[in-house]
């Protein structure tokens, strides 16, 4: 089992964030990332929202650091831990924008990027950014195909219904021959999408028995990653036994 951390400070959810995070900044974040790096954690994360409507921010929070800038900074503060977006909303970006931004982060980090990607559910944010909300699933599927065709190539090409490109140079591009794609979601369709187009699945908000049921009915390819949440913040220093028990429950799911 590999253990990662949900980076503090960069996403602050009401009822979950710690009081110290309110005033914390890049130095505290860098110290935590560096410590996780030295302790052998597998990955750290940074999520994405461009702008959250005020009423929704009261529930989901309004603090979301830009993941490309954040992971670029953390690449310089670490040496081995993987740098994961968890998750980018596919519909907010052209596939080549993702390939360029995170190909650059992959280059400066020495090949440590993991792209967590999702379809998105916040209609107001789609409308704000001028991208269609309806049909976003089909667009996301094609975006994943276009990304796979582009991430590690200087002159990518792809011809589809929503995205069509050839004859452009994308430099720098990712140094990993295959950048891992982890697909976020909580539905059977998201799991099918992950198996078809990705290297892993990042479910959220599902009880462990439901997760076990969904995974038990899926034909997962070799090496496929299932990235599960511990369900609540853990304190391995203050409450080590509780942390071990929580991780054990997840591992047995």
C-alpha atoms as a PDB file:
ATOM      1  CA  UNK A   1       0.000   0.000   0.000  1.00  0.00           C
ATOM      2  CA  UNK A   2       1.219   3.482  -0.890  1.00  0.00           C
ATOM      3  CA  UNK A   3       0.272   6.445   1.290  1.00  0.00           C
ATOM      4  CA  UNK A   4      -0.028  10.012   0.044  1.00  0.00           C
ATOM      5  CA  UNK A   5      -1.092  13.261   1.677  1.00  0.00           C
ATOM      6  CA  UNK A   6      -3.839  15.717   0.845  1.00  0.00           C
ATOM      7  CA  UNK A   7      -1.797  18.887   0.966  1.00  0.00           C
ATOM      8  CA  UNK A   8      -2.923  21.303   3.671  1.00  0.00           C
ATOM      9  CA  UNK A   9      -3.208  25.062   3.103  1.00  0.00           C
ATOM     10  CA  UNK A  10      -3.847  24.818  -0.668  1.00  0.00           C
ATOM     11  CA  UNK A  11      -7.455  23.635  -0.241  1.00  0.00           C
ATOM     12  CA  UNK A  12      -9.365  24.655   2.871  1.00  0.00           C
ATOM     13  CA  UNK A  13     -12.668  22.887   3.401  1.00  0.00           C
ATOM     14  CA  UNK A  14     -15.037  24.127   6.117  1.00  0.00           C
ATOM     15  CA  UNK A  15     -15.142  21.702   9.017  1.00  0.00           C
ATOM     16  CA  UNK A  16     -11.993  19.925   7.846  1.00  0.00           C
ATOM     17  CA  UNK A  17      -9.211  22.498   7.772  1.00  0.00           C
ATOM     18  CA  UNK A  18      -7.133  23.119  10.862  1.00  0.00           C
ATOM     19  CA  UNK A  19      -7.102  26.549  12.462  1.00  0.00           C
ATOM     20  CA  UNK A  20      -3.411  27.076  11.707  1.00  0.00           C
ATOM     21  CA  UNK A  21      -4.074  26.797   7.950  1.00  0.00           C
ATOM     22  CA  UNK A  22      -5.953  30.112   7.860  1.00  0.00           C
ATOM     23  CA  UNK A  23      -2.765  32.155   8.043  1.00  0.00           C
ATOM     24  CA  UNK A  24      -0.278  29.618   6.671  1.00  0.00           C
ATOM     25  CA  UNK A  25       1.565  30.239   3.419  1.00  0.00           C
ATOM     26  CA  UNK A  26       4.186  28.886   1.074  1.00  0.00           C
ATOM     27  CA  UNK A  27       6.864  28.416   3.717  1.00  0.00           C
ATOM     28  CA  UNK A  28       4.677  26.183   5.880  1.00  0.00           C
ATOM     29  CA  UNK A  29       3.502  24.308   2.789  1.00  0.00           C
ATOM     30  CA  UNK A  30       7.070  23.801   1.624  1.00  0.00           C
ATOM     31  CA  UNK A  31       8.162  22.483   5.018  1.00  0.00           C
ATOM     32  CA  UNK A  32       5.296  19.977   5.075  1.00  0.00           C
ATOM     33  CA  UNK A  33       5.996  18.832   1.520  1.00  0.00           C
ATOM     34  CA  UNK A  34       9.692  18.467   2.254  1.00  0.00           C
ATOM     35  CA  UNK A  35       8.964  16.424   5.367  1.00  0.00           C
ATOM     36  CA  UNK A  36       6.542  14.157   3.482  1.00  0.00           C
ATOM     37  CA  UNK A  37       9.216  13.741   0.823  1.00  0.00           C
ATOM     38  CA  UNK A  38      11.842  12.661   3.362  1.00  0.00           C
ATOM     39  CA  UNK A  39       9.432  10.321   5.175  1.00  0.00           C
ATOM     40  CA  UNK A  40       8.662   8.393   2.006  1.00  0.00           C
ATOM     41  CA  UNK A  41       5.067   9.385   1.276  1.00  0.00           C
ATOM     42  CA  UNK A  42       4.066   8.450  -2.262  1.00  0.00           C
ATOM     43  CA  UNK A  43       2.355  11.639  -3.407  1.00  0.00           C
ATOM     44  CA  UNK A  44       0.936  14.992  -2.400  1.00  0.00           C
ATOM     45  CA  UNK A  45      -2.049  16.680  -3.992  1.00  0.00           C
ATOM     46  CA  UNK A  46      -3.444  19.973  -5.197  1.00  0.00           C
ATOM     47  CA  UNK A  47      -7.026  20.376  -6.396  1.00  0.00           C
ATOM     48  CA  UNK A  48      -8.623  22.894  -8.752  1.00  0.00           C
ATOM     49  CA  UNK A  49     -11.415  25.431  -8.796  1.00  0.00           C
ATOM     50  CA  UNK A  50     -11.073  28.699 -10.689  1.00  0.00           C
ATOM     51  CA  UNK A  51     -13.861  30.559  -8.898  1.00  0.00           C
ATOM     52  CA  UNK A  52     -16.507  29.183  -6.543  1.00  0.00           C
ATOM     53  CA  UNK A  53     -19.924  30.877  -6.162  1.00  0.00           C
ATOM     54  CA  UNK A  54     -20.252  32.456  -2.727  1.00  0.00           C
ATOM     55  CA  UNK A  55     -23.108  30.240  -1.450  1.00  0.00           C
ATOM     56  CA  UNK A  56     -21.259  27.094  -2.536  1.00  0.00           C
ATOM     57  CA  UNK A  57     -17.996  28.337  -1.024  1.00  0.00           C
ATOM     58  CA  UNK A  58     -19.656  28.225   2.385  1.00  0.00           C
ATOM     59  CA  UNK A  59     -20.008  24.461   1.911  1.00  0.00           C
ATOM     60  CA  UNK A  60     -17.021  23.536  -0.273  1.00  0.00           C
ATOM     61  CA  UNK A  61     -14.660  26.313   0.702  1.00  0.00           C
ATOM     62  CA  UNK A  62     -13.316  29.100  -1.461  1.00  0.00           C
ATOM     63  CA  UNK A  63      -9.558  28.554  -1.129  1.00  0.00           C
ATOM     64  CA  UNK A  64      -8.099  26.573  -4.022  1.00  0.00           C
ATOM     65  CA  UNK A  65      -4.526  27.331  -4.972  1.00  0.00           C
ATOM     66  CA  UNK A  66      -3.650  27.071  -8.650  1.00  0.00           C
ATOM     67  CA  UNK A  67      -2.262  23.549  -9.065  1.00  0.00           C
ATOM     68  CA  UNK A  68       0.289  24.251 -11.811  1.00  0.00           C
ATOM     69  CA  UNK A  69       1.918  27.086  -9.866  1.00  0.00           C
ATOM     70  CA  UNK A  70       1.695  25.200  -6.570  1.00  0.00           C
ATOM     71  CA  UNK A  71       3.141  21.937  -7.857  1.00  0.00           C
ATOM     72  CA  UNK A  72       5.874  23.810  -9.703  1.00  0.00           C
ATOM     73  CA  UNK A  73       6.914  25.399  -6.407  1.00  0.00           C
ATOM     74  CA  UNK A  74       6.724  22.098  -4.542  1.00  0.00           C
ATOM     75  CA  UNK A  75       8.810  20.410  -7.227  1.00  0.00           C
ATOM     76  CA  UNK A  76      11.650  22.700  -6.173  1.00  0.00           C
ATOM     77  CA  UNK A  77      11.144  21.883  -2.480  1.00  0.00           C
ATOM     78  CA  UNK A  78      11.130  18.092  -2.919  1.00  0.00           C
ATOM     79  CA  UNK A  79      13.113  15.409  -4.717  1.00  0.00           C
ATOM     80  CA  UNK A  80      11.125  12.154  -4.944  1.00  0.00           C
ATOM     81  CA  UNK A  81       7.474  12.508  -3.873  1.00  0.00           C
ATOM     82  CA  UNK A  82       4.943  12.414  -6.726  1.00  0.00           C
ATOM     83  CA  UNK A  83       3.036  15.629  -7.509  1.00  0.00           C
ATOM     84  CA  UNK A  84      -0.638  14.922  -8.162  1.00  0.00           C
ATOM     85  CA  UNK A  85      -3.472  17.108  -9.366  1.00  0.00           C
ATOM     86  CA  UNK A  86      -6.536  15.809  -7.576  1.00  0.00           C
ATOM     87  CA  UNK A  87      -8.358  16.748  -9.638  1.00  0.00           C
ATOM     88  CA  UNK A  88      -8.223  19.025 -12.677  1.00  0.00           C
ATOM     89  CA  UNK A  89     -11.551  19.591 -14.401  1.00  0.00           C
ATOM     90  CA  UNK A  90     -11.050  18.478 -17.991  1.00  0.00           C
ATOM     91  CA  UNK A  91     -13.670  20.765 -19.477  1.00  0.00           C
ATOM     92  CA  UNK A  92     -11.924  23.899 -18.239  1.00  0.00           C
ATOM     93  CA  UNK A  93      -8.830  23.330 -20.397  1.00  0.00           C
ATOM     94  CA  UNK A  94      -7.814  22.428 -23.923  1.00  0.00           C
ATOM     95  CA  UNK A  95      -5.830  19.167 -23.773  1.00  0.00           C
ATOM     96  CA  UNK A  96      -2.719  20.913 -25.101  1.00  0.00           C
ATOM     97  CA  UNK A  97      -2.918  23.482 -22.305  1.00  0.00           C
ATOM     98  CA  UNK A  98      -2.765  20.631 -19.800  1.00  0.00           C
ATOM     99  CA  UNK A  99       0.017  18.937 -21.763  1.00  0.00           C
ATOM    100  CA  UNK A 100       2.105  22.129 -21.798  1.00  0.00           C
ATOM    101  CA  UNK A 101       1.560  23.236 -18.186  1.00  0.00           C
ATOM    102  CA  UNK A 102       2.000  19.872 -16.567  1.00  0.00           C
ATOM    103  CA  UNK A 103       4.581  18.720 -19.074  1.00  0.00           C
ATOM    104  CA  UNK A 104       6.613  21.675 -17.826  1.00  0.00           C
ATOM    105  CA  UNK A 105       6.063  20.629 -14.201  1.00  0.00           C
ATOM    106  CA  UNK A 106       7.007  17.074 -15.132  1.00  0.00           C
ATOM    107  CA  UNK A 107      10.218  18.353 -16.708  1.00  0.00           C
ATOM    108  CA  UNK A 108      11.297  20.511 -13.778  1.00  0.00           C
ATOM    109  CA  UNK A 109      10.379  17.806 -11.252  1.00  0.00           C
ATOM    110  CA  UNK A 110      12.286  15.067 -13.035  1.00  0.00           C
ATOM    111  CA  UNK A 111       9.199  13.113 -14.075  1.00  0.00           C
ATOM    112  CA  UNK A 112       7.066  13.134 -10.930  1.00  0.00           C
ATOM    113  CA  UNK A 113       3.683  14.403 -12.141  1.00  0.00           C
ATOM    114  CA  UNK A 114       0.478  12.415 -11.720  1.00  0.00           C
ATOM    115  CA  UNK A 115      -2.531  13.921 -13.461  1.00  0.00           C
ATOM    116  CA  UNK A 116      -5.734  13.477 -11.506  1.00  0.00           C
ATOM    117  CA  UNK A 117      -8.585  14.434 -13.830  1.00  0.00           C
ATOM    118  CA  UNK A 118     -12.335  14.722 -13.524  1.00  0.00           C
ATOM    119  CA  UNK A 119     -15.470  15.617 -15.453  1.00  0.00           C
ATOM    120  CA  UNK A 120     -16.605  18.348 -13.043  1.00  0.00           C
ATOM    121  CA  UNK A 121     -19.978  19.061 -11.482  1.00  0.00           C
ATOM    122  CA  UNK A 122     -20.139  22.780 -10.672  1.00  0.00           C
ATOM    123  CA  UNK A 123     -22.387  24.164 -13.403  1.00  0.00           C
ATOM    124  CA  UNK A 124     -21.909  27.792 -12.371  1.00  0.00           C
ATOM    125  CA  UNK A 125     -18.162  27.495 -12.852  1.00  0.00           C
ATOM    126  CA  UNK A 126     -18.574  25.959 -16.308  1.00  0.00           C
ATOM    127  CA  UNK A 127     -20.841  28.845 -17.292  1.00  0.00           C
ATOM    128  CA  UNK A 128     -18.434  31.414 -15.854  1.00  0.00           C
ATOM    129  CA  UNK A 129     -15.603  30.001 -17.956  1.00  0.00           C
ATOM    130  CA  UNK A 130     -17.750  29.839 -21.081  1.00  0.00           C
ATOM    131  CA  UNK A 131     -17.585  26.074 -21.539  1.00  0.00           C
ATOM    132  CA  UNK A 132     -20.584  23.772 -22.047  1.00  0.00           C
ATOM    133  CA  UNK A 133     -21.893  21.887 -19.034  1.00  0.00           C
ATOM    134  CA  UNK A 134     -24.184  19.562 -20.973  1.00  0.00           C
ATOM    135  CA  UNK A 135     -22.307  16.802 -22.733  1.00  0.00           C
ATOM    136  CA  UNK A 136     -19.264  17.268 -20.513  1.00  0.00           C
ATOM    137  CA  UNK A 137     -18.856  13.502 -20.071  1.00  0.00           C
ATOM    138  CA  UNK A 138     -18.375  12.854 -23.777  1.00  0.00           C
ATOM    139  CA  UNK A 139     -15.994  15.806 -24.005  1.00  0.00           C
ATOM    140  CA  UNK A 140     -14.034  14.481 -21.058  1.00  0.00           C
ATOM    141  CA  UNK A 141     -13.685  11.049 -22.648  1.00  0.00           C
ATOM    142  CA  UNK A 142     -12.279  12.584 -25.807  1.00  0.00           C
ATOM    143  CA  UNK A 143     -10.053  14.945 -23.832  1.00  0.00           C
ATOM    144  CA  UNK A 144      -8.510  11.926 -22.100  1.00  0.00           C
ATOM    145  CA  UNK A 145      -7.790  10.335 -25.471  1.00  0.00           C
ATOM    146  CA  UNK A 146      -6.263  13.589 -26.709  1.00  0.00           C
ATOM    147  CA  UNK A 147      -4.145  13.924 -23.574  1.00  0.00           C
ATOM    148  CA  UNK A 148      -2.816  10.401 -23.890  1.00  0.00           C
ATOM    149  CA  UNK A 149      -1.836  11.212 -27.464  1.00  0.00           C
ATOM    150  CA  UNK A 150      -0.106  14.446 -26.445  1.00  0.00           C
ATOM    151  CA  UNK A 151       1.531  14.410 -23.023  1.00  0.00           C
ATOM    152  CA  UNK A 152       4.937  12.992 -23.889  1.00  0.00           C
ATOM    153  CA  UNK A 153       5.228  14.204 -27.480  1.00  0.00           C
ATOM    154  CA  UNK A 154       6.835  17.293 -28.993  1.00  0.00           C
ATOM    155  CA  UNK A 155       4.514  17.309 -32.011  1.00  0.00           C
ATOM    156  CA  UNK A 156       1.259  15.693 -30.896  1.00  0.00           C
ATOM    157  CA  UNK A 157      -1.656  15.045 -33.165  1.00  0.00           C
ATOM    158  CA  UNK A 158      -5.257  14.121 -32.534  1.00  0.00           C
ATOM    159  CA  UNK A 159      -8.402  14.217 -34.634  1.00  0.00           C
ATOM    160  CA  UNK A 160     -11.730  13.983 -32.847  1.00  0.00           C
ATOM    161  CA  UNK A 161     -15.181  15.505 -32.644  1.00  0.00           C
ATOM    162  CA  UNK A 162     -14.348  18.115 -30.001  1.00  0.00           C
ATOM    163  CA  UNK A 163     -10.565  18.432 -30.332  1.00  0.00           C
ATOM    164  CA  UNK A 164      -8.579  18.456 -33.548  1.00  0.00           C
ATOM    165  CA  UNK A 165      -4.906  19.373 -33.834  1.00  0.00           C
ATOM    166  CA  UNK A 166      -1.779  18.534 -35.781  1.00  0.00           C
ATOM    167  CA  UNK A 167       1.313  20.446 -36.835  1.00  0.00           C
ATOM    168  CA  UNK A 168       1.998  22.208 -33.518  1.00  0.00           C
ATOM    169  CA  UNK A 169       5.084  21.993 -31.309  1.00  0.00           C
ATOM    170  CA  UNK A 170       4.545  21.567 -27.562  1.00  0.00           C
ATOM    171  CA  UNK A 171       7.846  22.127 -25.778  1.00  0.00           C
ATOM    172  CA  UNK A 172       8.638  21.358 -23.036  1.00  0.00           C
ATOM    173  CA  UNK A 173       6.597  18.204 -22.831  1.00  0.00           C
ATOM    174  CA  UNK A 174       6.448  15.503 -20.172  1.00  0.00           C
ATOM    175  CA  UNK A 175       9.607  13.453 -19.661  1.00  0.00           C
ATOM    176  CA  UNK A 176       7.723  10.386 -18.435  1.00  0.00           C
ATOM    177  CA  UNK A 177       6.929   8.028 -21.314  1.00  0.00           C
ATOM    178  CA  UNK A 178       3.475   7.566 -19.771  1.00  0.00           C
ATOM    179  CA  UNK A 179       2.235  10.163 -17.304  1.00  0.00           C
ATOM    180  CA  UNK A 180      -0.162   8.409 -14.884  1.00  0.00           C
ATOM    181  CA  UNK A 181      -3.779   9.518 -15.298  1.00  0.00           C
ATOM    182  CA  UNK A 182      -5.977   9.072 -12.231  1.00  0.00           C
ATOM    183  CA  UNK A 183      -9.665   9.625 -12.940  1.00  0.00           C
ATOM    184  CA  UNK A 184     -11.825  11.086 -10.200  1.00  0.00           C
ATOM    185  CA  UNK A 185     -15.480  10.239  -9.628  1.00  0.00           C
ATOM    186  CA  UNK A 186     -17.986   8.337  -7.542  1.00  0.00           C
ATOM    187  CA  UNK A 187     -20.123   6.570 -10.140  1.00  0.00           C
ATOM    188  CA  UNK A 188     -19.784   3.291 -12.037  1.00  0.00           C
ATOM    189  CA  UNK A 189     -19.335   5.367 -15.173  1.00  0.00           C
ATOM    190  CA  UNK A 190     -16.333   7.139 -13.661  1.00  0.00           C
ATOM    191  CA  UNK A 191     -14.776   3.764 -12.846  1.00  0.00           C
ATOM    192  CA  UNK A 192     -15.393   2.560 -16.405  1.00  0.00           C
ATOM    193  CA  UNK A 193     -13.845   5.796 -17.687  1.00  0.00           C
ATOM    194  CA  UNK A 194     -10.800   5.246 -15.491  1.00  0.00           C
ATOM    195  CA  UNK A 195     -10.338   1.668 -16.705  1.00  0.00           C
ATOM    196  CA  UNK A 196     -10.786   2.682 -20.349  1.00  0.00           C
ATOM    197  CA  UNK A 197      -8.637   5.812 -20.394  1.00  0.00           C
ATOM    198  CA  UNK A 198      -6.587   6.023 -17.221  1.00  0.00           C
ATOM    199  CA  UNK A 199      -4.139   4.355 -14.892  1.00  0.00           C
ATOM    200  CA  UNK A 200      -6.128   4.755 -11.695  1.00  0.00           C
ATOM    201  CA  UNK A 201      -9.400   5.784 -10.066  1.00  0.00           C
ATOM    202  CA  UNK A 202      -9.886   8.355  -7.296  1.00  0.00           C
ATOM    203  CA  UNK A 203     -13.343   7.826  -5.760  1.00  0.00           C
ATOM    204  CA  UNK A 204     -14.781  10.153  -3.147  1.00  0.00           C
ATOM    205  CA  UNK A 205     -17.760  10.276  -0.821  1.00  0.00           C
ATOM    206  CA  UNK A 206     -18.528   6.557  -0.998  1.00  0.00           C
ATOM    207  CA  UNK A 207     -18.725   4.102   1.922  1.00  0.00           C
ATOM    208  CA  UNK A 208     -16.163   1.318   1.916  1.00  0.00           C
ATOM    209  CA  UNK A 209     -18.746  -1.413   1.354  1.00  0.00           C
ATOM    210  CA  UNK A 210     -20.014   0.350  -1.771  1.00  0.00           C
ATOM    211  CA  UNK A 211     -16.448   0.804  -3.009  1.00  0.00           C
ATOM    212  CA  UNK A 212     -15.729  -2.880  -2.480  1.00  0.00           C
ATOM    213  CA  UNK A 213     -18.885  -3.771  -4.412  1.00  0.00           C
ATOM    214  CA  UNK A 214     -17.977  -1.528  -7.347  1.00  0.00           C
ATOM    215  CA  UNK A 215     -14.382  -2.703  -7.497  1.00  0.00           C
ATOM    216  CA  UNK A 216     -15.400  -6.337  -7.151  1.00  0.00           C
ATOM    217  CA  UNK A 217     -17.470  -6.079 -10.305  1.00  0.00           C
ATOM    218  CA  UNK A 218     -14.780  -4.358 -12.366  1.00  0.00           C
ATOM    219  CA  UNK A 219     -12.124  -5.950 -14.568  1.00  0.00           C
ATOM    220  CA  UNK A 220      -9.119  -3.896 -13.477  1.00  0.00           C
ATOM    221  CA  UNK A 221      -5.966  -4.038 -15.616  1.00  0.00           C
ATOM    222  CA  UNK A 222      -2.597  -4.924 -14.121  1.00  0.00           C
ATOM    223  CA  UNK A 223      -1.014  -2.004 -12.304  1.00  0.00           C
ATOM    224  CA  UNK A 224      -4.284  -0.082 -12.017  1.00  0.00           C
ATOM    225  CA  UNK A 225      -4.240   2.214  -8.965  1.00  0.00           C
ATOM    226  CA  UNK A 226      -7.229   2.757  -6.679  1.00  0.00           C
ATOM    227  CA  UNK A 227      -6.638   5.870  -4.594  1.00  0.00           C
ATOM    228  CA  UNK A 228      -8.829   5.793  -1.494  1.00  0.00           C
ATOM    229  CA  UNK A 229      -9.381   8.424   1.167  1.00  0.00           C
ATOM    230  CA  UNK A 230      -8.936   7.595   4.836  1.00  0.00           C
ATOM    231  CA  UNK A 231     -12.334   9.231   5.304  1.00  0.00           C
ATOM    232  CA  UNK A 232     -11.210  11.863   7.792  1.00  0.00           C
ATOM    233  CA  UNK A 233      -8.064  13.805   8.701  1.00  0.00           C
ATOM    234  CA  UNK A 234      -5.459  11.631  10.411  1.00  0.00           C
ATOM    235  CA  UNK A 235      -3.004  12.604  13.137  1.00  0.00           C
ATOM    236  CA  UNK A 236      -0.196  10.012  13.004  1.00  0.00           C
ATOM    237  CA  UNK A 237       1.817  11.859  15.665  1.00  0.00           C
ATOM    238  CA  UNK A 238      -0.957  12.682  18.124  1.00  0.00           C
ATOM    239  CA  UNK A 239      -3.067   9.566  17.558  1.00  0.00           C
ATOM    240  CA  UNK A 240      -0.899   6.959  15.805  1.00  0.00           C
ATOM    241  CA  UNK A 241      -3.091   3.949  16.636  1.00  0.00           C
ATOM    242  CA  UNK A 242      -6.196   5.606  15.201  1.00  0.00           C
ATOM    243  CA  UNK A 243      -4.261   6.494  12.051  1.00  0.00           C
ATOM    244  CA  UNK A 244      -3.073   2.907  11.604  1.00  0.00           C
ATOM    245  CA  UNK A 245      -6.593   1.564  12.145  1.00  0.00           C
ATOM    246  CA  UNK A 246      -8.084   3.968   9.602  1.00  0.00           C
ATOM    247  CA  UNK A 247      -5.503   3.051   6.969  1.00  0.00           C
ATOM    248  CA  UNK A 248      -5.975  -0.653   7.673  1.00  0.00           C
ATOM    249  CA  UNK A 249      -9.726  -0.363   7.074  1.00  0.00           C
ATOM    250  CA  UNK A 250      -9.076   1.305   3.729  1.00  0.00           C
ATOM    251  CA  UNK A 251      -6.471  -1.279   2.724  1.00  0.00           C
ATOM    252  CA  UNK A 252      -8.929  -4.101   3.398  1.00  0.00           C
ATOM    253  CA  UNK A 253     -11.738  -2.559   1.318  1.00  0.00           C
END
